[in-house]
Amino acid sequence: MQDGNPELLKLAEAIERRASFLEMKFKDPILDVTRHNLDELSSGNRVLLLFFTAEWCGPCISYLATYRDLAREISKPGVVFGKVDVDRAADIADRYNIDHIPSIAVIVNGKLVDVIIGSTSKEKLKARIEPYLHA
């Protein structure tokens, strides 16, 4: 690139903006949570939402799409959407007393404040968690 060429600089900036947009759009907004990263995610963010699931759970697989859509819609600093496979991380399910899947644990400032059991619409899920996002 030639130094000082305004057209090339403008084009480079446009390409960088588009690349950032595409990365954000197609990157999975849901983090896999394990015992190795749970404490860091919980203490490093104001709100941590944990979706408890299993590979063999049909309702979980269906509901994960709703959860993913909401994660993309709500994306903001300090709010993390995570996913816990209960077969691989039973200790995390035990820690939050999760007995049914799908379930979503809402953790605010490191403390469990709510558990949403079963699946629902995106609108109802959003209404249920939104108060915790602004607390």
Protein backbone atom coordinates (compact mmCIF):
# COMPACT_ATOMS: atom_id res chain seq x y z
CA MET A 1 0.00 0.00 0.00
CA GLN A 2 1.29 3.43 -0.83
CA ASP A 3 1.66 5.75 2.13
CA GLY A 4 -0.75 8.63 2.08
CA ASN A 5 -3.00 7.38 -0.75
CA PRO A 6 -6.44 8.42 0.59
CA GLU A 7 -8.39 5.98 -1.59
CA LEU A 8 -6.32 3.01 -0.46
CA LEU A 9 -6.54 4.04 3.20
CA LYS A 10 -10.31 4.42 2.90
CA LEU A 11 -10.59 1.01 1.23
CA ALA A 12 -8.38 -0.63 3.89
CA GLU A 13 -10.56 0.83 6.65
CA ALA A 14 -13.74 -0.39 4.94
CA ILE A 15 -12.30 -3.89 4.55
CA GLU A 16 -11.26 -3.96 8.21
CA ARG A 17 -14.75 -2.86 9.35
CA ARG A 18 -16.37 -5.52 7.17
CA ALA A 19 -14.02 -8.23 8.43
CA SER A 20 -14.79 -7.30 12.05
CA PHE A 21 -18.52 -7.37 11.32
CA LEU A 22 -18.30 -10.80 9.65
CA GLU A 23 -16.20 -12.22 12.47
CA MET A 24 -18.75 -11.04 15.03
CA LYS A 25 -21.69 -12.26 12.94
CA PHE A 26 -20.44 -15.78 12.35
CA LYS A 27 -18.51 -16.42 15.55
CA ASP A 28 -20.47 -18.57 17.99
CA PRO A 29 -21.53 -16.26 20.84
CA ILE A 30 -21.81 -19.20 23.25
CA LEU A 31 -18.73 -20.34 25.15
CA ASP A 32 -18.15 -23.91 26.22
CA VAL A 33 -17.90 -23.85 30.00
CA THR A 34 -15.85 -26.39 31.92
CA ARG A 35 -14.51 -26.59 35.45
CA HIS A 36 -11.32 -25.06 34.04
CA ASN A 37 -12.88 -21.75 32.97
CA LEU A 38 -16.04 -21.47 35.12
CA ASP A 39 -14.58 -19.45 37.98
CA GLU A 40 -12.81 -17.05 35.63
CA LEU A 41 -16.00 -16.48 33.60
CA SER A 42 -18.10 -16.08 36.73
CA SER A 43 -15.79 -13.61 38.46
CA GLY A 44 -14.75 -11.75 35.30
CA ASN A 45 -18.27 -10.89 34.12
CA ARG A 46 -21.29 -9.29 35.73
CA VAL A 47 -23.78 -11.79 34.26
CA LEU A 48 -23.07 -15.38 33.30
CA LEU A 49 -25.82 -17.46 31.74
CA LEU A 50 -25.20 -21.21 31.68
CA PHE A 51 -27.19 -23.41 29.34
CA PHE A 52 -27.16 -26.98 30.67
CA THR A 53 -27.45 -29.54 27.90
CA ALA A 54 -26.35 -32.96 26.63
CA GLU A 55 -25.63 -34.29 23.15
CA TRP A 56 -28.42 -36.87 23.43
CA CYS A 57 -31.09 -34.37 24.60
CA GLY A 58 -33.45 -33.55 21.71
CA PRO A 59 -35.23 -30.64 23.45
CA CYS A 60 -31.82 -29.19 24.40
CA ILE A 61 -30.63 -29.26 20.80
CA SER A 62 -33.78 -27.46 19.63
CA TYR A 63 -33.67 -24.89 22.44
CA LEU A 64 -29.99 -24.15 21.85
CA ALA A 65 -30.93 -22.29 18.64
CA THR A 66 -33.19 -19.97 20.66
CA TYR A 67 -30.47 -19.43 23.24
CA ARG A 68 -27.91 -18.70 20.49
CA ASP A 69 -30.24 -16.16 18.83
CA LEU A 70 -30.71 -14.40 22.15
CA ALA A 71 -26.96 -14.41 22.79
CA ARG A 72 -26.38 -12.67 19.46
CA GLU A 73 -29.13 -10.16 20.16
CA ILE A 74 -28.00 -9.27 23.68
CA SER A 75 -24.24 -9.33 23.06
CA LYS A 76 -22.69 -6.76 25.42
CA PRO A 77 -19.61 -6.45 27.61
CA GLY A 78 -19.92 -8.14 31.00
CA VAL A 79 -22.61 -10.57 29.84
CA VAL A 80 -21.51 -14.07 28.86
CA PHE A 81 -23.62 -16.86 27.40
CA GLY A 82 -22.16 -20.26 28.19
CA LYS A 83 -23.03 -23.88 27.55
CA VAL A 84 -22.37 -26.79 29.90
CA ASP A 85 -22.51 -30.40 28.74
CA VAL A 86 -23.77 -32.25 31.83
CA ASP A 87 -22.11 -35.49 30.74
CA ARG A 88 -18.69 -33.84 30.57
CA ALA A 89 -19.12 -31.41 33.47
CA ALA A 90 -21.44 -33.05 35.97
CA ASP A 91 -19.59 -31.21 38.74
CA ILE A 92 -20.89 -27.88 37.41
CA ALA A 93 -24.46 -29.20 37.24
CA ASP A 94 -24.05 -30.41 40.83
CA ARG A 95 -22.63 -27.07 41.93
CA TYR A 96 -25.80 -25.28 40.75
CA ASN A 97 -28.21 -28.13 41.66
CA ILE A 98 -29.27 -28.69 38.05
CA ASP A 99 -31.44 -31.81 37.90
CA HIS A 100 -33.25 -31.21 34.59
CA ILE A 101 -32.13 -30.29 31.10
CA PRO A 102 -32.45 -28.02 29.33
CA SER A 103 -31.96 -25.51 32.13
CA ILE A 104 -30.38 -22.07 32.20
CA ALA A 105 -28.64 -20.85 35.35
CA VAL A 106 -28.45 -17.08 35.76
CA ILE A 107 -25.39 -16.02 37.72
CA VAL A 108 -25.01 -12.35 38.66
CA ASN A 109 -21.80 -11.13 40.27
CA GLY A 110 -20.79 -14.72 40.97
CA LYS A 111 -24.04 -15.72 42.68
CA LEU A 112 -26.80 -17.96 41.34
CA VAL A 113 -29.95 -15.83 41.20
CA ASP A 114 -32.31 -17.86 38.99
CA VAL A 115 -32.71 -21.17 37.18
CA ILE A 116 -34.94 -21.44 34.13
CA ILE A 117 -36.05 -25.03 33.64
CA GLY A 118 -37.28 -26.28 30.27
CA SER A 119 -37.60 -24.50 26.96
CA THR A 120 -39.64 -21.44 26.07
CA SER A 121 -39.86 -18.84 23.33
CA LYS A 122 -37.07 -16.35 22.76
CA GLU A 123 -39.37 -13.52 23.84
CA LYS A 124 -40.24 -15.21 27.15
CA LEU A 125 -36.62 -16.13 27.80
CA LYS A 126 -35.51 -12.58 27.11
CA ALA A 127 -38.20 -11.19 29.43
CA ARG A 128 -37.07 -13.56 32.16
CA ILE A 129 -33.36 -12.68 32.00
CA GLU A 130 -33.58 -8.99 31.06
CA PRO A 131 -34.01 -7.72 34.66
CA TYR A 132 -30.68 -9.32 35.57
CA LEU A 133 -28.94 -7.60 32.67
CA HIS A 134 -29.82 -4.16 34.03
CA ALA A 135 -29.52 -4.82 37.76
